[in-house]
Amino acid sequence: MTVAAIIQARIGSTRLPGKILKEVGGRPLLDYMLERGRAAKTLDSVAVATTTQAQDDRVEEYCRRAGMAVYRGSEDDVLDRYYRCASKVRADAIVRLTSDCPLMDPNVIDEVVGDFLKGDCDYAANTAPPPGTYPDGMDVEVFSFAALERAWKEAKKPSEREHVTFFFWKNPGLFRTRRHETAE
């Protein structure tokens, strides 16, 4: 099974525009997220899904310089962006990460992926439905490509398309889910 992390990243944050490329310690925040994704032992690859907005040309340029796979798609239909990115990288399982969590622990990624790989669920997460079992910034969701494809085909409401996994949460009877709890 090929497990790929897809990091959703865009410049157009409303609270702090451009935050993912702002430098901390001489490095863009996105660089920290990529590093942490690459450090997870359960991931075969890491890709970035950004938008087709001109302002996200900078995200694509950064990813290409960093040797990172990047896919560009709809700003509003994030479910479609994820589906097409997962198709492009040929992922059997997708790990959803966000670019604004630069302190993500690779071990937490591995724990949630490990739960998913036990094989008895379509979706595993330490966050959903909210509230999560980990602090903000440690959010990890893992789902099969088949589950993502089903959501992509069946989700019709804008709210179901704007958020990658919203359709999973709102339709628990359609997906076998597992909630990852803290080890404490």
N, C-alpha and C. Protein backbone atom coordinates (compact mmCIF):
# COMPACT_ATOMS: atom_id res chain seq x y z
N MET A 1 0.84 -1.18 0.00
CA MET A 1 0.00 0.00 0.00
C MET A 1 0.89 1.24 0.00
N THR A 2 0.63 2.15 -0.92
CA THR A 2 1.38 3.41 -1.00
C THR A 2 0.68 4.46 -0.14
N VAL A 3 1.41 5.00 0.82
CA VAL A 3 0.87 6.00 1.72
C VAL A 3 1.53 7.34 1.40
N ALA A 4 0.71 8.31 1.03
CA ALA A 4 1.22 9.64 0.67
C ALA A 4 0.58 10.70 1.54
N ALA A 5 1.41 11.57 2.07
CA ALA A 5 0.88 12.74 2.78
C ALA A 5 0.62 13.82 1.74
N ILE A 6 -0.50 14.48 1.88
CA ILE A 6 -0.80 15.64 1.05
C ILE A 6 -0.99 16.81 2.00
N ILE A 7 -0.16 17.81 1.80
CA ILE A 7 -0.21 19.01 2.63
C ILE A 7 -0.95 20.08 1.85
N GLN A 8 -2.08 20.53 2.40
CA GLN A 8 -2.79 21.62 1.72
C GLN A 8 -2.14 22.93 2.12
N ALA A 9 -1.82 23.72 1.11
CA ALA A 9 -1.07 24.95 1.35
C ALA A 9 -1.52 26.02 0.37
N ARG A 10 -1.73 27.21 0.91
CA ARG A 10 -2.07 28.35 0.04
C ARG A 10 -1.64 29.63 0.73
N ILE A 11 -1.38 30.62 -0.08
CA ILE A 11 -0.95 31.93 0.42
C ILE A 11 -2.11 32.70 1.02
N GLY A 12 -3.32 32.49 0.52
CA GLY A 12 -4.47 33.33 0.83
C GLY A 12 -5.10 33.17 2.19
N SER A 13 -4.34 32.96 3.22
CA SER A 13 -4.90 32.90 4.57
C SER A 13 -5.54 34.24 4.91
N THR A 14 -6.71 34.19 5.52
CA THR A 14 -7.37 35.45 5.87
C THR A 14 -6.84 36.02 7.19
N ARG A 15 -6.41 35.15 8.09
CA ARG A 15 -5.92 35.63 9.39
C ARG A 15 -4.49 36.16 9.30
N LEU A 16 -3.62 35.49 8.54
CA LEU A 16 -2.24 35.94 8.37
C LEU A 16 -1.80 35.59 6.95
N PRO A 17 -2.12 36.46 5.99
CA PRO A 17 -1.79 36.17 4.59
C PRO A 17 -0.30 35.87 4.40
N GLY A 18 -0.04 34.82 3.63
CA GLY A 18 1.33 34.45 3.31
C GLY A 18 2.06 33.71 4.41
N LYS A 19 1.35 33.30 5.47
CA LYS A 19 2.03 32.73 6.64
C LYS A 19 2.87 31.51 6.31
N ILE A 20 2.48 30.70 5.35
CA ILE A 20 3.23 29.46 5.10
C ILE A 20 4.61 29.71 4.51
N LEU A 21 4.82 30.89 3.93
CA LEU A 21 6.15 31.20 3.40
C LEU A 21 6.89 32.23 4.25
N LYS A 22 6.29 32.63 5.37
CA LYS A 22 6.98 33.54 6.29
C LYS A 22 8.12 32.76 6.94
N GLU A 23 9.22 33.45 7.15
CA GLU A 23 10.40 32.78 7.68
C GLU A 23 10.45 32.83 9.20
N VAL A 24 10.82 31.69 9.76
CA VAL A 24 11.08 31.54 11.18
C VAL A 24 12.42 30.81 11.27
N GLY A 25 13.36 31.41 11.95
CA GLY A 25 14.67 30.78 12.03
C GLY A 25 15.35 30.65 10.67
N GLY A 26 15.05 31.59 9.76
CA GLY A 26 15.68 31.58 8.45
C GLY A 26 15.07 30.63 7.44
N ARG A 27 13.96 30.00 7.79
CA ARG A 27 13.30 29.05 6.90
C ARG A 27 11.81 29.33 6.83
N PRO A 28 11.19 29.13 5.66
CA PRO A 28 9.74 29.29 5.56
C PRO A 28 9.03 28.24 6.42
N LEU A 29 7.88 28.61 6.97
CA LEU A 29 7.12 27.67 7.80
C LEU A 29 6.80 26.38 7.04
N LEU A 30 6.51 26.49 5.75
CA LEU A 30 6.21 25.31 4.96
C LEU A 30 7.38 24.33 4.96
N ASP A 31 8.59 24.83 5.01
CA ASP A 31 9.78 23.98 5.03
C ASP A 31 9.77 23.06 6.25
N TYR A 32 9.35 23.59 7.38
CA TYR A 32 9.28 22.77 8.60
C TYR A 32 8.26 21.65 8.44
N MET A 33 7.13 21.98 7.83
CA MET A 33 6.09 20.97 7.63
C MET A 33 6.56 19.88 6.68
N LEU A 34 7.24 20.27 5.62
CA LEU A 34 7.76 19.28 4.67
C LEU A 34 8.79 18.38 5.35
N GLU A 35 9.64 18.98 6.14
CA GLU A 35 10.67 18.22 6.86
C GLU A 35 10.03 17.19 7.79
N ARG A 36 9.01 17.60 8.50
CA ARG A 36 8.35 16.70 9.44
C ARG A 36 7.60 15.58 8.72
N GLY A 37 7.00 15.91 7.57
CA GLY A 37 6.35 14.87 6.79
C GLY A 37 7.36 13.86 6.25
N ARG A 38 8.47 14.35 5.79
CA ARG A 38 9.52 13.46 5.28
C ARG A 38 10.12 12.60 6.38
N ALA A 39 10.08 13.06 7.62
CA ALA A 39 10.64 12.30 8.75
C ALA A 39 9.72 11.18 9.22
N ALA A 40 8.46 11.21 8.83
CA ALA A 40 7.54 10.14 9.24
C ALA A 40 7.93 8.85 8.51
N LYS A 41 8.09 7.80 9.25
CA LYS A 41 8.56 6.52 8.70
C LYS A 41 7.49 5.78 7.89
N THR A 42 6.22 6.09 8.11
CA THR A 42 5.14 5.37 7.44
C THR A 42 4.75 5.96 6.09
N LEU A 43 5.36 7.08 5.73
CA LEU A 43 4.99 7.75 4.48
C LEU A 43 5.93 7.36 3.35
N ASP A 44 5.34 7.06 2.20
CA ASP A 44 6.13 6.78 1.01
C ASP A 44 6.46 8.05 0.25
N SER A 45 5.59 9.05 0.38
CA SER A 45 5.83 10.32 -0.30
C SER A 45 5.07 11.44 0.38
N VAL A 46 5.48 12.65 0.05
CA VAL A 46 4.82 13.85 0.56
C VAL A 46 4.61 14.77 -0.64
N ALA A 47 3.41 15.29 -0.78
CA ALA A 47 3.10 16.22 -1.87
C ALA A 47 2.36 17.42 -1.29
N VAL A 48 2.34 18.48 -2.07
CA VAL A 48 1.64 19.70 -1.67
C VAL A 48 0.50 19.94 -2.65
N ALA A 49 -0.67 20.27 -2.12
CA ALA A 49 -1.82 20.63 -2.95
C ALA A 49 -2.12 22.10 -2.71
N THR A 50 -1.90 22.90 -3.73
CA THR A 50 -2.16 24.34 -3.62
C THR A 50 -3.20 24.75 -4.66
N THR A 51 -3.48 26.02 -4.72
CA THR A 51 -4.53 26.48 -5.62
C THR A 51 -3.96 26.98 -6.95
N THR A 52 -4.87 27.26 -7.87
CA THR A 52 -4.48 27.81 -9.17
C THR A 52 -4.41 29.34 -9.13
N GLN A 53 -4.64 29.94 -7.97
CA GLN A 53 -4.56 31.39 -7.83
C GLN A 53 -3.12 31.85 -8.11
N ALA A 54 -2.98 32.99 -8.77
CA ALA A 54 -1.66 33.52 -9.11
C ALA A 54 -0.77 33.68 -7.89
N GLN A 55 -1.35 34.05 -6.77
CA GLN A 55 -0.53 34.23 -5.57
C GLN A 55 0.12 32.93 -5.12
N ASP A 56 -0.43 31.78 -5.53
CA ASP A 56 0.15 30.50 -5.14
C ASP A 56 1.22 30.01 -6.11
N ASP A 57 1.56 30.85 -7.10
CA ASP A 57 2.73 30.55 -7.93
C ASP A 57 3.96 30.43 -7.03
N ARG A 58 4.01 31.23 -5.98
CA ARG A 58 5.14 31.20 -5.04
C ARG A 58 5.22 29.86 -4.31
N VAL A 59 4.07 29.28 -3.99
CA VAL A 59 4.06 27.97 -3.34
C VAL A 59 4.61 26.92 -4.29
N GLU A 60 4.13 26.95 -5.54
CA GLU A 60 4.61 25.99 -6.53
C GLU A 60 6.11 26.15 -6.75
N GLU A 61 6.58 27.37 -6.89
CA GLU A 61 8.02 27.60 -7.08
C GLU A 61 8.82 27.07 -5.91
N TYR A 62 8.36 27.33 -4.70
CA TYR A 62 9.06 26.85 -3.52
C TYR A 62 9.12 25.32 -3.52
N CYS A 63 7.99 24.67 -3.79
CA CYS A 63 7.95 23.21 -3.80
C CYS A 63 8.88 22.62 -4.85
N ARG A 64 8.89 23.21 -6.01
CA ARG A 64 9.77 22.70 -7.08
C ARG A 64 11.25 22.83 -6.68
N ARG A 65 11.60 23.96 -6.09
CA ARG A 65 12.99 24.14 -5.61
C ARG A 65 13.34 23.14 -4.52
N ALA A 66 12.34 22.78 -3.70
CA ALA A 66 12.56 21.85 -2.59
C ALA A 66 12.45 20.38 -3.05
N GLY A 67 12.20 20.16 -4.34
CA GLY A 67 12.08 18.81 -4.86
C GLY A 67 10.80 18.12 -4.41
N MET A 68 9.77 18.90 -4.17
CA MET A 68 8.50 18.40 -3.66
C MET A 68 7.47 18.34 -4.77
N ALA A 69 6.74 17.24 -4.84
CA ALA A 69 5.63 17.14 -5.79
C ALA A 69 4.57 18.16 -5.41
N VAL A 70 4.01 18.82 -6.42
CA VAL A 70 2.99 19.83 -6.16
C VAL A 70 1.86 19.68 -7.18
N TYR A 71 0.64 19.84 -6.71
CA TYR A 71 -0.53 19.81 -7.57
C TYR A 71 -1.30 21.10 -7.33
N ARG A 72 -1.82 21.68 -8.39
CA ARG A 72 -2.60 22.91 -8.28
C ARG A 72 -4.02 22.65 -8.72
N GLY A 73 -4.97 23.13 -7.91
CA GLY A 73 -6.37 22.93 -8.21
C GLY A 73 -7.23 24.03 -7.62
N SER A 74 -8.50 23.76 -7.54
CA SER A 74 -9.49 24.74 -7.09
C SER A 74 -9.18 25.27 -5.69
N GLU A 75 -9.39 26.56 -5.53
CA GLU A 75 -9.23 27.16 -4.20
C GLU A 75 -10.41 26.77 -3.30
N ASP A 76 -11.61 26.70 -3.86
CA ASP A 76 -12.80 26.45 -3.06
C ASP A 76 -13.16 24.98 -2.94
N ASP A 77 -12.89 24.19 -3.96
CA ASP A 77 -13.21 22.76 -3.94
C ASP A 77 -11.96 21.99 -3.52
N VAL A 78 -11.69 22.02 -2.23
CA VAL A 78 -10.47 21.39 -1.70
C VAL A 78 -10.57 19.88 -1.82
N LEU A 79 -11.77 19.33 -1.75
CA LEU A 79 -11.96 17.90 -1.93
C LEU A 79 -11.48 17.48 -3.33
N ASP A 80 -11.85 18.26 -4.34
CA ASP A 80 -11.39 17.97 -5.70
C ASP A 80 -9.87 18.11 -5.80
N ARG A 81 -9.31 19.12 -5.18
CA ARG A 81 -7.86 19.33 -5.21
C ARG A 81 -7.13 18.13 -4.60
N TYR A 82 -7.64 17.64 -3.47
CA TYR A 82 -7.03 16.48 -2.82
C TYR A 82 -7.17 15.22 -3.67
N TYR A 83 -8.36 15.02 -4.22
CA TYR A 83 -8.60 13.83 -5.03
C TYR A 83 -7.64 13.80 -6.23
N ARG A 84 -7.53 14.91 -6.91
CA ARG A 84 -6.67 14.95 -8.09
C ARG A 84 -5.19 14.82 -7.73
N CYS A 85 -4.79 15.40 -6.60
CA CYS A 85 -3.42 15.26 -6.14
C CYS A 85 -3.14 13.80 -5.78
N ALA A 86 -4.06 13.16 -5.05
CA ALA A 86 -3.89 11.75 -4.66
C ALA A 86 -3.82 10.86 -5.90
N SER A 87 -4.61 11.18 -6.92
CA SER A 87 -4.56 10.43 -8.18
C SER A 87 -3.20 10.59 -8.84
N LYS A 88 -2.71 11.81 -8.84
CA LYS A 88 -1.43 12.11 -9.49
C LYS A 88 -0.27 11.36 -8.83
N VAL A 89 -0.29 11.27 -7.50
CA VAL A 89 0.82 10.59 -6.80
C VAL A 89 0.54 9.11 -6.60
N ARG A 90 -0.62 8.64 -7.09
CA ARG A 90 -1.00 7.23 -7.04
C ARG A 90 -1.00 6.67 -5.61
N ALA A 91 -1.66 7.39 -4.74
CA ALA A 91 -1.73 7.00 -3.34
C ALA A 91 -2.86 6.00 -3.10
N ASP A 92 -2.57 4.97 -2.33
CA ASP A 92 -3.61 4.05 -1.88
C ASP A 92 -4.24 4.57 -0.59
N ALA A 93 -3.41 5.24 0.20
CA ALA A 93 -3.87 5.87 1.44
C ALA A 93 -3.31 7.28 1.47
N ILE A 94 -4.12 8.19 1.97
CA ILE A 94 -3.75 9.61 1.99
C ILE A 94 -3.72 10.09 3.43
N VAL A 95 -2.67 10.81 3.77
CA VAL A 95 -2.54 11.45 5.07
C VAL A 95 -2.76 12.93 4.85
N ARG A 96 -3.80 13.46 5.47
CA ARG A 96 -4.12 14.88 5.31
C ARG A 96 -3.38 15.68 6.38
N LEU A 97 -2.56 16.60 5.90
CA LEU A 97 -1.83 17.52 6.78
C LEU A 97 -2.08 18.93 6.27
N THR A 98 -1.96 19.90 7.17
CA THR A 98 -2.11 21.29 6.75
C THR A 98 -0.79 22.02 6.93
N SER A 99 -0.57 23.00 6.09
CA SER A 99 0.71 23.70 6.05
C SER A 99 0.95 24.61 7.24
N ASP A 100 -0.10 24.87 8.01
CA ASP A 100 0.07 25.80 9.13
C ASP A 100 0.29 25.09 10.46
N CYS A 101 0.85 23.90 10.40
CA CYS A 101 1.18 23.13 11.61
C CYS A 101 2.66 22.76 11.60
N PRO A 102 3.55 23.76 11.65
CA PRO A 102 4.98 23.48 11.49
C PRO A 102 5.62 22.71 12.64
N LEU A 103 4.90 22.50 13.71
CA LEU A 103 5.45 21.74 14.84
C LEU A 103 4.91 20.32 14.89
N MET A 104 4.33 19.86 13.80
CA MET A 104 3.79 18.51 13.73
C MET A 104 4.88 17.50 14.12
N ASP A 105 4.49 16.53 14.91
CA ASP A 105 5.41 15.48 15.34
C ASP A 105 5.31 14.31 14.36
N PRO A 106 6.40 13.93 13.70
CA PRO A 106 6.36 12.80 12.78
C PRO A 106 5.89 11.50 13.45
N ASN A 107 6.15 11.37 14.75
CA ASN A 107 5.70 10.17 15.47
C ASN A 107 4.18 10.12 15.56
N VAL A 108 3.53 11.27 15.67
CA VAL A 108 2.07 11.30 15.70
C VAL A 108 1.53 10.87 14.33
N ILE A 109 2.16 11.34 13.27
CA ILE A 109 1.77 10.89 11.92
C ILE A 109 1.86 9.38 11.86
N ASP A 110 2.99 8.83 12.30
CA ASP A 110 3.19 7.37 12.24
C ASP A 110 2.18 6.61 13.09
N GLU A 111 1.81 7.15 14.24
CA GLU A 111 0.82 6.49 15.10
C GLU A 111 -0.54 6.39 14.41
N VAL A 112 -0.99 7.49 13.82
CA VAL A 112 -2.31 7.49 13.18
C VAL A 112 -2.29 6.64 11.92
N VAL A 113 -1.22 6.72 11.14
CA VAL A 113 -1.10 5.85 9.97
C VAL A 113 -1.09 4.39 10.41
N GLY A 114 -0.38 4.09 11.50
CA GLY A 114 -0.36 2.72 12.02
C GLY A 114 -1.75 2.22 12.36
N ASP A 115 -2.56 3.08 12.98
CA ASP A 115 -3.95 2.72 13.27
C ASP A 115 -4.70 2.40 11.98
N PHE A 116 -4.53 3.26 10.99
CA PHE A 116 -5.22 3.07 9.72
C PHE A 116 -4.79 1.76 9.05
N LEU A 117 -3.51 1.47 9.11
CA LEU A 117 -2.98 0.30 8.41
C LEU A 117 -3.37 -1.03 9.06
N LYS A 118 -4.02 -0.98 10.20
CA LYS A 118 -4.53 -2.22 10.80
C LYS A 118 -5.59 -2.85 9.90
N GLY A 119 -6.13 -2.05 8.97
CA GLY A 119 -6.96 -2.59 7.91
C GLY A 119 -8.45 -2.68 8.15
N ASP A 120 -8.94 -2.19 9.26
CA ASP A 120 -10.36 -2.34 9.52
C ASP A 120 -11.10 -1.01 9.49
N CYS A 121 -10.55 -0.03 8.76
CA CYS A 121 -11.23 1.26 8.66
C CYS A 121 -10.92 1.92 7.32
N ASP A 122 -11.79 2.86 6.97
CA ASP A 122 -11.60 3.67 5.77
C ASP A 122 -10.97 5.01 6.12
N TYR A 123 -11.10 5.37 7.40
CA TYR A 123 -10.69 6.70 7.86
C TYR A 123 -10.25 6.60 9.32
N ALA A 124 -9.08 7.12 9.60
CA ALA A 124 -8.57 7.19 10.98
C ALA A 124 -8.08 8.60 11.22
N ALA A 125 -8.33 9.11 12.42
CA ALA A 125 -7.92 10.48 12.72
C ALA A 125 -7.76 10.68 14.22
N ASN A 126 -6.95 11.67 14.56
CA ASN A 126 -6.84 12.07 15.95
C ASN A 126 -7.56 13.39 16.18
N THR A 127 -8.35 13.80 15.19
CA THR A 127 -8.99 15.12 15.25
C THR A 127 -10.49 15.10 15.07
N ALA A 128 -11.03 14.09 14.44
CA ALA A 128 -12.38 14.23 13.95
C ALA A 128 -13.28 13.13 14.47
N PRO A 129 -14.53 13.43 14.63
CA PRO A 129 -15.02 14.80 14.55
C PRO A 129 -14.54 15.60 15.76
N PRO A 130 -14.43 16.93 15.59
CA PRO A 130 -13.95 17.75 16.70
C PRO A 130 -14.80 17.54 17.95
N PRO A 131 -14.25 17.66 19.14
CA PRO A 131 -12.87 18.01 19.40
C PRO A 131 -11.96 16.81 19.21
N GLY A 132 -10.72 17.08 18.90
CA GLY A 132 -9.74 16.03 18.69
C GLY A 132 -9.17 15.52 19.99
N THR A 133 -8.32 14.54 19.87
CA THR A 133 -7.69 13.95 21.05
C THR A 133 -6.27 14.47 21.25
N TYR A 134 -5.80 15.28 20.34
CA TYR A 134 -4.47 15.89 20.42
C TYR A 134 -4.64 17.41 20.38
N PRO A 135 -3.63 18.14 20.81
CA PRO A 135 -3.72 19.61 20.73
C PRO A 135 -3.74 20.09 19.28
N ASP A 136 -4.30 21.28 19.07
CA ASP A 136 -4.25 21.88 17.73
C ASP A 136 -2.81 21.91 17.25
N GLY A 137 -2.64 21.64 15.97
CA GLY A 137 -1.31 21.61 15.38
C GLY A 137 -0.76 20.20 15.24
N MET A 138 -1.43 19.24 15.85
CA MET A 138 -1.03 17.83 15.75
C MET A 138 -2.10 17.03 15.02
N ASP A 139 -2.87 17.70 14.17
CA ASP A 139 -4.00 17.09 13.46
C ASP A 139 -3.52 16.17 12.34
N VAL A 140 -3.95 14.91 12.40
CA VAL A 140 -3.61 13.94 11.36
C VAL A 140 -4.87 13.17 11.01
N GLU A 141 -5.16 13.09 9.72
CA GLU A 141 -6.27 12.28 9.22
C GLU A 141 -5.72 11.38 8.13
N VAL A 142 -6.14 10.13 8.13
CA VAL A 142 -5.69 9.15 7.13
C VAL A 142 -6.92 8.48 6.55
N PHE A 143 -6.96 8.36 5.24
CA PHE A 143 -8.12 7.73 4.61
C PHE A 143 -7.68 7.03 3.34
N SER A 144 -8.48 6.04 2.95
CA SER A 144 -8.17 5.29 1.74
C SER A 144 -8.51 6.11 0.51
N PHE A 145 -7.85 5.77 -0.57
CA PHE A 145 -8.18 6.43 -1.83
C PHE A 145 -9.63 6.12 -2.21
N ALA A 146 -10.07 4.90 -1.95
CA ALA A 146 -11.46 4.52 -2.27
C ALA A 146 -12.45 5.40 -1.51
N ALA A 147 -12.18 5.69 -0.23
CA ALA A 147 -13.07 6.55 0.55
C ALA A 147 -13.04 7.97 0.01
N LEU A 148 -11.84 8.45 -0.33
CA LEU A 148 -11.71 9.79 -0.91
C LEU A 148 -12.48 9.87 -2.22
N GLU A 149 -12.35 8.85 -3.05
CA GLU A 149 -13.06 8.85 -4.33
C GLU A 149 -14.57 8.83 -4.14
N ARG A 150 -15.03 8.08 -3.14
CA ARG A 150 -16.47 8.05 -2.88
C ARG A 150 -16.95 9.44 -2.45
N ALA A 151 -16.22 10.06 -1.54
CA ALA A 151 -16.59 11.41 -1.10
C ALA A 151 -16.56 12.37 -2.29
N TRP A 152 -15.54 12.28 -3.12
CA TRP A 152 -15.39 13.15 -4.29
C TRP A 152 -16.58 13.01 -5.24
N LYS A 153 -17.07 11.79 -5.41
CA LYS A 153 -18.21 11.54 -6.31
C LYS A 153 -19.54 11.94 -5.69
N GLU A 154 -19.70 11.72 -4.38
CA GLU A 154 -21.01 11.88 -3.75
C GLU A 154 -21.23 13.21 -3.05
N ALA A 155 -20.19 13.90 -2.65
CA ALA A 155 -20.34 15.17 -1.94
C ALA A 155 -20.87 16.23 -2.91
N LYS A 156 -21.96 16.86 -2.54
CA LYS A 156 -22.58 17.86 -3.41
C LYS A 156 -22.62 19.25 -2.81
N LYS A 157 -22.75 19.35 -1.50
CA LYS A 157 -22.86 20.65 -0.84
C LYS A 157 -21.51 21.36 -0.84
N PRO A 158 -21.54 22.68 -0.98
CA PRO A 158 -20.27 23.44 -0.93
C PRO A 158 -19.47 23.14 0.34
N SER A 159 -20.15 22.98 1.48
CA SER A 159 -19.44 22.69 2.74
C SER A 159 -18.74 21.34 2.69
N GLU A 160 -19.29 20.40 1.93
CA GLU A 160 -18.68 19.08 1.79
C GLU A 160 -17.50 19.08 0.82
N ARG A 161 -17.43 20.08 -0.03
CA ARG A 161 -16.36 20.19 -1.02
C ARG A 161 -15.23 21.09 -0.51
N GLU A 162 -15.60 22.04 0.35
CA GLU A 162 -14.63 23.00 0.86
C GLU A 162 -13.66 22.36 1.85
N HIS A 163 -14.10 21.32 2.54
CA HIS A 163 -13.28 20.61 3.52
C HIS A 163 -13.12 19.17 3.07
N VAL A 164 -11.89 18.70 3.05
CA VAL A 164 -11.59 17.39 2.49
C VAL A 164 -12.36 16.26 3.17
N THR A 165 -12.44 16.27 4.47
CA THR A 165 -13.01 15.13 5.18
C THR A 165 -14.39 15.39 5.80
N PHE A 166 -14.96 16.54 5.53
CA PHE A 166 -16.26 16.89 6.09
C PHE A 166 -17.32 15.84 5.72
N PHE A 167 -17.28 15.34 4.49
CA PHE A 167 -18.24 14.34 4.03
C PHE A 167 -18.13 13.06 4.87
N PHE A 168 -16.91 12.68 5.26
CA PHE A 168 -16.72 11.51 6.11
C PHE A 168 -17.43 11.71 7.45
N TRP A 169 -17.22 12.87 8.05
CA TRP A 169 -17.80 13.14 9.38
C TRP A 169 -19.32 13.16 9.34
N LYS A 170 -19.86 13.75 8.27
CA LYS A 170 -21.31 13.92 8.17
C LYS A 170 -22.04 12.65 7.72
N ASN A 171 -21.30 11.66 7.28
CA ASN A 171 -21.90 10.41 6.80
C ASN A 171 -21.21 9.20 7.43
N PRO A 172 -21.27 9.09 8.75
CA PRO A 172 -20.54 8.02 9.43
C PRO A 172 -21.00 6.61 9.04
N GLY A 173 -22.22 6.48 8.54
CA GLY A 173 -22.71 5.17 8.12
C GLY A 173 -22.08 4.68 6.83
N LEU A 174 -21.44 5.58 6.08
CA LEU A 174 -20.83 5.20 4.80
C LEU A 174 -19.37 4.76 4.93
N PHE A 175 -18.74 5.12 6.06
CA PHE A 175 -17.31 4.87 6.22
C PHE A 175 -17.02 4.21 7.56
N ARG A 176 -16.10 3.27 7.55
CA ARG A 176 -15.62 2.67 8.80
C ARG A 176 -14.53 3.59 9.35
N THR A 177 -14.76 4.15 10.52
CA THR A 177 -13.83 5.12 11.05
C THR A 177 -13.18 4.63 12.34
N ARG A 178 -12.01 5.17 12.61
CA ARG A 178 -11.30 4.88 13.84
C ARG A 178 -10.77 6.22 14.38
N ARG A 179 -11.03 6.44 15.65
CA ARG A 179 -10.54 7.64 16.32
C ARG A 179 -9.28 7.28 17.09
N HIS A 180 -8.17 7.88 16.72
CA HIS A 180 -6.90 7.62 17.39
C HIS A 180 -6.85 8.42 18.68
N GLU A 181 -6.61 7.74 19.76
CA GLU A 181 -6.52 8.39 21.08
C GLU A 181 -5.07 8.59 21.46
N THR A 182 -4.82 9.54 22.33
CA THR A 182 -3.46 9.77 22.82
C THR A 182 -2.98 8.52 23.55
N ALA A 183 -1.67 8.35 23.58
CA ALA A 183 -1.06 7.20 24.22
C ALA A 183 -1.08 7.31 25.74
N GLU A 184 -1.40 8.47 26.27
CA GLU A 184 -1.36 8.69 27.72
C GLU A 184 -2.43 7.92 28.44
